[in-house]
């Protein structure tokens, strides 16, 4: 993870424009039915410049933008000073412990964790969800940038980890990349929505 974060830090200035060029509503179109219609508490984990968090805040939600890369967080604060920002990182998310959210977003994040980190992260994420809350994840398939390592993501393995942590799959859909460069490189995505099962 330290290598990944260092890569994002080094590439931060170049990434801001790329991140900002993506339309958040279009990005989340495959999981639009799981974006709440009424005000909800949401954490965007790996928020980058806060693009998606700001979109959600504009819909009336209370949003926390969680971003461990200082270059991206500072760019986001400059662009969107009204957002609530937290410097925290997977797999532990130690600064969010004790919080409760209706939705957690992990867009373009899971591929940067290796299997041992994923095994730590999934119960942590489940613990941050309110009963009936939903974890919305995009799972990357294909190469990453050399400076920001990625690990293969198994959809079945991810769902199994989630189920072991008390989450159940309620939606799965395949999607093309919204970025032309990634599409040309053969990158595709699987979106999954995982609901925290209410206690019996």
C-alpha atoms as a PDB file:
ATOM      1  CA  UNK A   1       0.000   0.000   0.000  1.00  0.00           C
ATOM      2  CA  UNK A   2       2.841   2.422   0.736  1.00  0.00           C
ATOM      3  CA  UNK A   3       4.121   1.992  -2.836  1.00  0.00           C
ATOM      4  CA  UNK A   4       0.650   2.677  -4.234  1.00  0.00           C
ATOM      5  CA  UNK A   5       0.201   5.811  -2.143  1.00  0.00           C
ATOM      6  CA  UNK A   6       3.658   7.068  -3.076  1.00  0.00           C
ATOM      7  CA  UNK A   7       2.760   6.591  -6.730  1.00  0.00           C
ATOM      8  CA  UNK A   8      -0.423   8.599  -6.369  1.00  0.00           C
ATOM      9  CA  UNK A   9       1.483  11.281  -4.468  1.00  0.00           C
ATOM     10  CA  UNK A  10       4.079  11.556  -7.238  1.00  0.00           C
ATOM     11  CA  UNK A  11       1.435  11.578  -9.985  1.00  0.00           C
ATOM     12  CA  UNK A  12      -1.013  13.784  -8.113  1.00  0.00           C
ATOM     13  CA  UNK A  13      -0.653  16.929 -10.193  1.00  0.00           C
ATOM     14  CA  UNK A  14      -1.216  14.991 -13.417  1.00  0.00           C
ATOM     15  CA  UNK A  15      -4.150  13.036 -12.013  1.00  0.00           C
ATOM     16  CA  UNK A  16      -6.271  15.973 -10.882  1.00  0.00           C
ATOM     17  CA  UNK A  17      -7.408  16.944 -14.385  1.00  0.00           C
ATOM     18  CA  UNK A  18      -8.053  13.301 -15.296  1.00  0.00           C
ATOM     19  CA  UNK A  19     -10.183  12.779 -12.216  1.00  0.00           C
ATOM     20  CA  UNK A  20     -12.098  16.000 -12.726  1.00  0.00           C
ATOM     21  CA  UNK A  21     -12.908  15.117 -16.355  1.00  0.00           C
ATOM     22  CA  UNK A  22     -15.043  12.163 -15.246  1.00  0.00           C
ATOM     23  CA  UNK A  23     -18.769  12.749 -14.754  1.00  0.00           C
ATOM     24  CA  UNK A  24     -19.754  11.271 -11.396  1.00  0.00           C
ATOM     25  CA  UNK A  25     -23.376  10.594 -12.331  1.00  0.00           C
ATOM     26  CA  UNK A  26     -22.233   8.751 -15.443  1.00  0.00           C
ATOM     27  CA  UNK A  27     -19.631   6.772 -13.499  1.00  0.00           C
ATOM     28  CA  UNK A  28     -22.222   5.555 -10.999  1.00  0.00           C
ATOM     29  CA  UNK A  29     -24.922   4.869 -13.594  1.00  0.00           C
ATOM     30  CA  UNK A  30     -24.461   1.075 -13.228  1.00  0.00           C
ATOM     31  CA  UNK A  31     -25.401   1.332  -9.534  1.00  0.00           C
ATOM     32  CA  UNK A  32     -27.736   4.337  -9.685  1.00  0.00           C
ATOM     33  CA  UNK A  33     -30.557   2.430  -7.977  1.00  0.00           C
ATOM     34  CA  UNK A  34     -28.389   2.116  -4.867  1.00  0.00           C
ATOM     35  CA  UNK A  35     -27.683   5.841  -4.499  1.00  0.00           C
ATOM     36  CA  UNK A  36     -30.182   6.937  -1.825  1.00  0.00           C
ATOM     37  CA  UNK A  37     -33.090   9.155  -2.863  1.00  0.00           C
ATOM     38  CA  UNK A  38     -33.383  10.693   0.607  1.00  0.00           C
ATOM     39  CA  UNK A  39     -30.612  12.252   2.704  1.00  0.00           C
ATOM     40  CA  UNK A  40     -28.120   9.641   3.908  1.00  0.00           C
ATOM     41  CA  UNK A  41     -24.723   9.476   5.580  1.00  0.00           C
ATOM     42  CA  UNK A  42     -22.063   8.426   3.074  1.00  0.00           C
ATOM     43  CA  UNK A  43     -18.295   7.887   3.171  1.00  0.00           C
ATOM     44  CA  UNK A  44     -16.374   8.044  -0.107  1.00  0.00           C
ATOM     45  CA  UNK A  45     -13.246   6.010   0.607  1.00  0.00           C
ATOM     46  CA  UNK A  46     -10.395   6.877  -1.723  1.00  0.00           C
ATOM     47  CA  UNK A  47     -12.171  10.100  -2.633  1.00  0.00           C
ATOM     48  CA  UNK A  48      -9.351  11.549  -4.740  1.00  0.00           C
ATOM     49  CA  UNK A  49     -10.243  15.167  -5.470  1.00  0.00           C
ATOM     50  CA  UNK A  50     -13.698  14.808  -3.935  1.00  0.00           C
ATOM     51  CA  UNK A  51     -15.481  14.768  -7.288  1.00  0.00           C
ATOM     52  CA  UNK A  52     -17.927  12.006  -6.332  1.00  0.00           C
ATOM     53  CA  UNK A  53     -18.308  13.209  -2.749  1.00  0.00           C
ATOM     54  CA  UNK A  54     -19.272  16.678  -3.986  1.00  0.00           C
ATOM     55  CA  UNK A  55     -21.804  15.184  -6.403  1.00  0.00           C
ATOM     56  CA  UNK A  56     -23.397  13.235  -3.557  1.00  0.00           C
ATOM     57  CA  UNK A  57     -23.386  16.270  -1.274  1.00  0.00           C
ATOM     58  CA  UNK A  58     -25.167  18.154  -4.043  1.00  0.00           C
ATOM     59  CA  UNK A  59     -27.903  15.516  -3.894  1.00  0.00           C
ATOM     60  CA  UNK A  60     -28.450  16.346  -0.228  1.00  0.00           C
ATOM     61  CA  UNK A  61     -26.333  13.692   1.467  1.00  0.00           C
ATOM     62  CA  UNK A  62     -23.965  14.144   4.413  1.00  0.00           C
ATOM     63  CA  UNK A  63     -20.661  13.014   2.910  1.00  0.00           C
ATOM     64  CA  UNK A  64     -17.189  12.375   4.298  1.00  0.00           C
ATOM     65  CA  UNK A  65     -14.379  12.360   1.727  1.00  0.00           C
ATOM     66  CA  UNK A  66     -11.689   9.923   2.892  1.00  0.00           C
ATOM     67  CA  UNK A  67      -8.364  10.326   1.068  1.00  0.00           C
ATOM     68  CA  UNK A  68      -4.864   9.286   2.224  1.00  0.00           C
ATOM     69  CA  UNK A  69      -2.883  10.998  -0.569  1.00  0.00           C
ATOM     70  CA  UNK A  70      -1.996  14.543   0.505  1.00  0.00           C
ATOM     71  CA  UNK A  71      -1.607  15.872  -3.052  1.00  0.00           C
ATOM     72  CA  UNK A  72      -5.117  14.783  -3.986  1.00  0.00           C
ATOM     73  CA  UNK A  73      -6.657  15.778  -0.666  1.00  0.00           C
ATOM     74  CA  UNK A  74      -5.146  19.262  -0.848  1.00  0.00           C
ATOM     75  CA  UNK A  75      -6.293  19.691  -4.448  1.00  0.00           C
ATOM     76  CA  UNK A  76      -9.743  18.581  -3.387  1.00  0.00           C
ATOM     77  CA  UNK A  77      -9.847  20.982  -0.466  1.00  0.00           C
ATOM     78  CA  UNK A  78      -8.923  23.834  -2.796  1.00  0.00           C
ATOM     79  CA  UNK A  79     -11.623  22.849  -5.279  1.00  0.00           C
ATOM     80  CA  UNK A  80     -14.281  21.991  -2.697  1.00  0.00           C
ATOM     81  CA  UNK A  81     -13.616  23.672   0.642  1.00  0.00           C
ATOM     82  CA  UNK A  82     -17.106  22.841   1.885  1.00  0.00           C
ATOM     83  CA  UNK A  83     -16.532  19.089   1.969  1.00  0.00           C
ATOM     84  CA  UNK A  84     -15.653  17.195   5.139  1.00  0.00           C
ATOM     85  CA  UNK A  85     -12.215  15.595   4.573  1.00  0.00           C
ATOM     86  CA  UNK A  86     -10.529  12.802   6.544  1.00  0.00           C
ATOM     87  CA  UNK A  87      -6.942  11.599   6.103  1.00  0.00           C
ATOM     88  CA  UNK A  88      -7.368   7.853   6.536  1.00  0.00           C
ATOM     89  CA  UNK A  89      -6.443   4.701   4.650  1.00  0.00           C
ATOM     90  CA  UNK A  90      -7.349   1.115   4.055  1.00  0.00           C
ATOM     91  CA  UNK A  91      -7.162  -1.525   5.275  1.00  0.00           C
ATOM     92  CA  UNK A  92      -7.571  -0.260   8.864  1.00  0.00           C
ATOM     93  CA  UNK A  93      -9.454   3.045   8.424  1.00  0.00           C
ATOM     94  CA  UNK A  94      -8.545   3.754  12.044  1.00  0.00           C
ATOM     95  CA  UNK A  95      -9.854   7.330  12.046  1.00  0.00           C
ATOM     96  CA  UNK A  96     -13.320   6.274  10.920  1.00  0.00           C
ATOM     97  CA  UNK A  97     -13.707   3.603  13.611  1.00  0.00           C
ATOM     98  CA  UNK A  98     -16.893   4.087  15.592  1.00  0.00           C
ATOM     99  CA  UNK A  99     -18.651   5.910  12.760  1.00  0.00           C
ATOM    100  CA  UNK A 100     -21.778   4.553  11.038  1.00  0.00           C
ATOM    101  CA  UNK A 101     -22.759   5.123   7.412  1.00  0.00           C
ATOM    102  CA  UNK A 102     -25.714   4.285   5.195  1.00  0.00           C
ATOM    103  CA  UNK A 103     -23.442   3.935   2.174  1.00  0.00           C
ATOM    104  CA  UNK A 104     -19.737   3.315   1.653  1.00  0.00           C
ATOM    105  CA  UNK A 105     -18.224   3.970  -1.780  1.00  0.00           C
ATOM    106  CA  UNK A 106     -15.025   2.322  -3.023  1.00  0.00           C
ATOM    107  CA  UNK A 107     -14.560   3.398  -6.603  1.00  0.00           C
ATOM    108  CA  UNK A 108     -11.299   2.319  -8.217  1.00  0.00           C
ATOM    109  CA  UNK A 109      -9.727   1.337  -4.900  1.00  0.00           C
ATOM    110  CA  UNK A 110      -9.958  -2.417  -4.205  1.00  0.00           C
ATOM    111  CA  UNK A 111      -7.382  -3.364  -6.861  1.00  0.00           C
ATOM    112  CA  UNK A 112      -4.698  -1.514  -4.912  1.00  0.00           C
ATOM    113  CA  UNK A 113      -5.015  -3.883  -1.926  1.00  0.00           C
ATOM    114  CA  UNK A 114      -3.403  -7.303  -1.975  1.00  0.00           C
ATOM    115  CA  UNK A 115      -5.266 -10.330  -0.615  1.00  0.00           C
ATOM    116  CA  UNK A 116      -4.034 -10.045   3.009  1.00  0.00           C
ATOM    117  CA  UNK A 117      -5.037  -6.362   3.091  1.00  0.00           C
ATOM    118  CA  UNK A 118      -8.441  -7.182   1.619  1.00  0.00           C
ATOM    119  CA  UNK A 119      -8.999  -9.778   4.332  1.00  0.00           C
ATOM    120  CA  UNK A 120      -8.398  -7.059   6.940  1.00  0.00           C
ATOM    121  CA  UNK A 121     -10.356  -4.354   5.117  1.00  0.00           C
ATOM    122  CA  UNK A 122     -13.644  -6.125   4.457  1.00  0.00           C
ATOM    123  CA  UNK A 123     -14.649  -6.632   8.126  1.00  0.00           C
ATOM    124  CA  UNK A 124     -13.605  -3.041   8.822  1.00  0.00           C
ATOM    125  CA  UNK A 125     -15.873  -1.810   6.017  1.00  0.00           C
ATOM    126  CA  UNK A 126     -18.732  -3.990   7.249  1.00  0.00           C
ATOM    127  CA  UNK A 127     -18.285  -2.544  10.717  1.00  0.00           C
ATOM    128  CA  UNK A 128     -18.715   0.995   9.374  1.00  0.00           C
ATOM    129  CA  UNK A 129     -22.083   0.223   7.783  1.00  0.00           C
ATOM    130  CA  UNK A 130     -25.369   0.810   9.559  1.00  0.00           C
ATOM    131  CA  UNK A 131     -27.805  -2.102   9.511  1.00  0.00           C
ATOM    132  CA  UNK A 132     -29.257  -2.262   6.010  1.00  0.00           C
ATOM    133  CA  UNK A 133     -26.449  -0.056   4.693  1.00  0.00           C
ATOM    134  CA  UNK A 134     -24.760  -0.825   1.381  1.00  0.00           C
ATOM    135  CA  UNK A 135     -21.124  -1.022   0.310  1.00  0.00           C
ATOM    136  CA  UNK A 136     -20.793   0.023  -3.354  1.00  0.00           C
ATOM    137  CA  UNK A 137     -17.552  -1.181  -4.953  1.00  0.00           C
ATOM    138  CA  UNK A 138     -16.030  -1.116  -8.418  1.00  0.00           C
ATOM    139  CA  UNK A 139     -13.668  -4.017  -9.094  1.00  0.00           C
ATOM    140  CA  UNK A 140     -11.016  -3.415 -11.742  1.00  0.00           C
ATOM    141  CA  UNK A 141      -9.938  -5.987 -14.308  1.00  0.00           C
ATOM    142  CA  UNK A 142      -6.875  -5.192 -16.375  1.00  0.00           C
ATOM    143  CA  UNK A 143      -3.508  -3.466 -16.075  1.00  0.00           C
ATOM    144  CA  UNK A 144      -2.696  -0.480 -13.923  1.00  0.00           C
ATOM    145  CA  UNK A 145      -0.140   2.292 -14.120  1.00  0.00           C
ATOM    146  CA  UNK A 146       3.424   1.106 -13.351  1.00  0.00           C
ATOM    147  CA  UNK A 147       3.756   3.700 -10.600  1.00  0.00           C
ATOM    148  CA  UNK A 148       0.524   2.567  -8.881  1.00  0.00           C
ATOM    149  CA  UNK A 149       0.548  -1.237  -8.564  1.00  0.00           C
ATOM    150  CA  UNK A 150      -2.652  -3.250  -8.853  1.00  0.00           C
ATOM    151  CA  UNK A 151      -3.443  -6.826  -7.845  1.00  0.00           C
ATOM    152  CA  UNK A 152      -5.887  -9.128  -9.638  1.00  0.00           C
ATOM    153  CA  UNK A 153      -9.423  -8.911  -8.291  1.00  0.00           C
ATOM    154  CA  UNK A 154     -11.609 -12.010  -8.144  1.00  0.00           C
ATOM    155  CA  UNK A 155     -15.279 -11.097  -8.049  1.00  0.00           C
ATOM    156  CA  UNK A 156     -16.228 -14.390  -6.405  1.00  0.00           C
ATOM    157  CA  UNK A 157     -13.481 -14.045  -3.815  1.00  0.00           C
ATOM    158  CA  UNK A 158     -14.607 -10.496  -3.030  1.00  0.00           C
ATOM    159  CA  UNK A 159     -18.212 -11.586  -2.578  1.00  0.00           C
ATOM    160  CA  UNK A 160     -17.092 -14.465  -0.342  1.00  0.00           C
ATOM    161  CA  UNK A 161     -15.081 -12.062   1.838  1.00  0.00           C
ATOM    162  CA  UNK A 162     -18.125  -9.811   2.090  1.00  0.00           C
ATOM    163  CA  UNK A 163     -20.429 -12.671   3.042  1.00  0.00           C
ATOM    164  CA  UNK A 164     -18.019 -13.759   5.770  1.00  0.00           C
ATOM    165  CA  UNK A 165     -18.194 -10.204   7.137  1.00  0.00           C
ATOM    166  CA  UNK A 166     -22.009 -10.175   7.248  1.00  0.00           C
ATOM    167  CA  UNK A 167     -22.728  -8.568   3.882  1.00  0.00           C
ATOM    168  CA  UNK A 168     -24.845 -10.020   1.080  1.00  0.00           C
ATOM    169  CA  UNK A 169     -24.677  -9.380  -2.638  1.00  0.00           C
ATOM    170  CA  UNK A 170     -27.710  -7.422  -3.862  1.00  0.00           C
ATOM    171  CA  UNK A 171     -26.411  -6.214  -7.237  1.00  0.00           C
ATOM    172  CA  UNK A 172     -23.679  -7.102  -9.715  1.00  0.00           C
ATOM    173  CA  UNK A 173     -23.062  -5.614 -13.140  1.00  0.00           C
ATOM    174  CA  UNK A 174     -20.211  -5.472 -15.641  1.00  0.00           C
ATOM    175  CA  UNK A 175     -19.200  -2.104 -17.090  1.00  0.00           C
ATOM    176  CA  UNK A 176     -16.723  -0.623 -19.535  1.00  0.00           C
ATOM    177  CA  UNK A 177     -14.218   1.931 -18.310  1.00  0.00           C
ATOM    178  CA  UNK A 178     -15.367   5.534 -18.605  1.00  0.00           C
ATOM    179  CA  UNK A 179     -11.794   6.607 -19.453  1.00  0.00           C
ATOM    180  CA  UNK A 180     -10.734   6.163 -23.076  1.00  0.00           C
ATOM    181  CA  UNK A 181      -7.137   5.312 -22.163  1.00  0.00           C
ATOM    182  CA  UNK A 182      -8.249   2.526 -19.860  1.00  0.00           C
ATOM    183  CA  UNK A 183     -10.672   1.155 -22.440  1.00  0.00           C
ATOM    184  CA  UNK A 184      -7.847   1.055 -24.979  1.00  0.00           C
ATOM    185  CA  UNK A 185      -5.728  -0.863 -22.452  1.00  0.00           C
ATOM    186  CA  UNK A 186      -8.484  -3.443 -21.998  1.00  0.00           C
ATOM    187  CA  UNK A 187      -9.635  -2.340 -18.554  1.00  0.00           C
ATOM    188  CA  UNK A 188     -13.161  -3.357 -17.523  1.00  0.00           C
ATOM    189  CA  UNK A 189     -15.039  -3.153 -14.247  1.00  0.00           C
ATOM    190  CA  UNK A 190     -17.470  -5.158 -12.168  1.00  0.00           C
ATOM    191  CA  UNK A 191     -19.701  -3.165  -9.843  1.00  0.00           C
ATOM    192  CA  UNK A 192     -21.037  -4.916  -6.754  1.00  0.00           C
ATOM    193  CA  UNK A 193     -23.442  -3.683  -4.094  1.00  0.00           C
ATOM    194  CA  UNK A 194     -23.223  -5.481  -0.755  1.00  0.00           C
ATOM    195  CA  UNK A 195     -25.853  -4.964   1.915  1.00  0.00           C
ATOM    196  CA  UNK A 196     -25.283  -5.312   5.649  1.00  0.00           C
ATOM    197  CA  UNK A 197     -27.736  -7.936   6.787  1.00  0.00           C
ATOM    198  CA  UNK A 198     -29.959  -6.671   9.611  1.00  0.00           C
ATOM    199  CA  UNK A 199     -29.666  -8.754  12.794  1.00  0.00           C
ATOM    200  CA  UNK A 200     -32.360 -11.428  13.253  1.00  0.00           C
END
